[in-house]
Amino acid sequence: MTRRRLLLIALAVLAAVVLAAPLWLGYFGPRTAAYAQTWRPWRTHLSLQYEHVVPGRSPRVTMEAHYRDPWPGQARTPGWQVDFLTLRRVSPWLPWIVTERGSGP
């Protein structure tokens, strides 16, 4: 009985780590947070570029995510896609998170 209980606890901890990984990666900076929120296994050639950065440790950053998506989801055609991301950090103790997302041509 304890072996089964330990297995369930281990699976619950693993599921929590996997689900919270994108949030924890936000502690490594806005680029890592945007990559964790944007990358998918089927997307290739993902590149992130800063679009707007306010000098002096701004709590808000805007980025462009360029990627090739063979199955685009919300886009009409497969191929190169552009997402515009706004990342925000409310406090230095909290991670960067994506607060706004928009798609482009």
Foldseek 3Di string as FASTA:
>chain_A
DVVVVVVVVVVVVVVVCVVCVLFVLLLVDDVSNVCSVPDDPQKPDWDKDWDDDDPDPAQKTKIKIWIFHCDDVPDDHGGIWIKIWMWGDPDNVGGIHTDDIDIDD
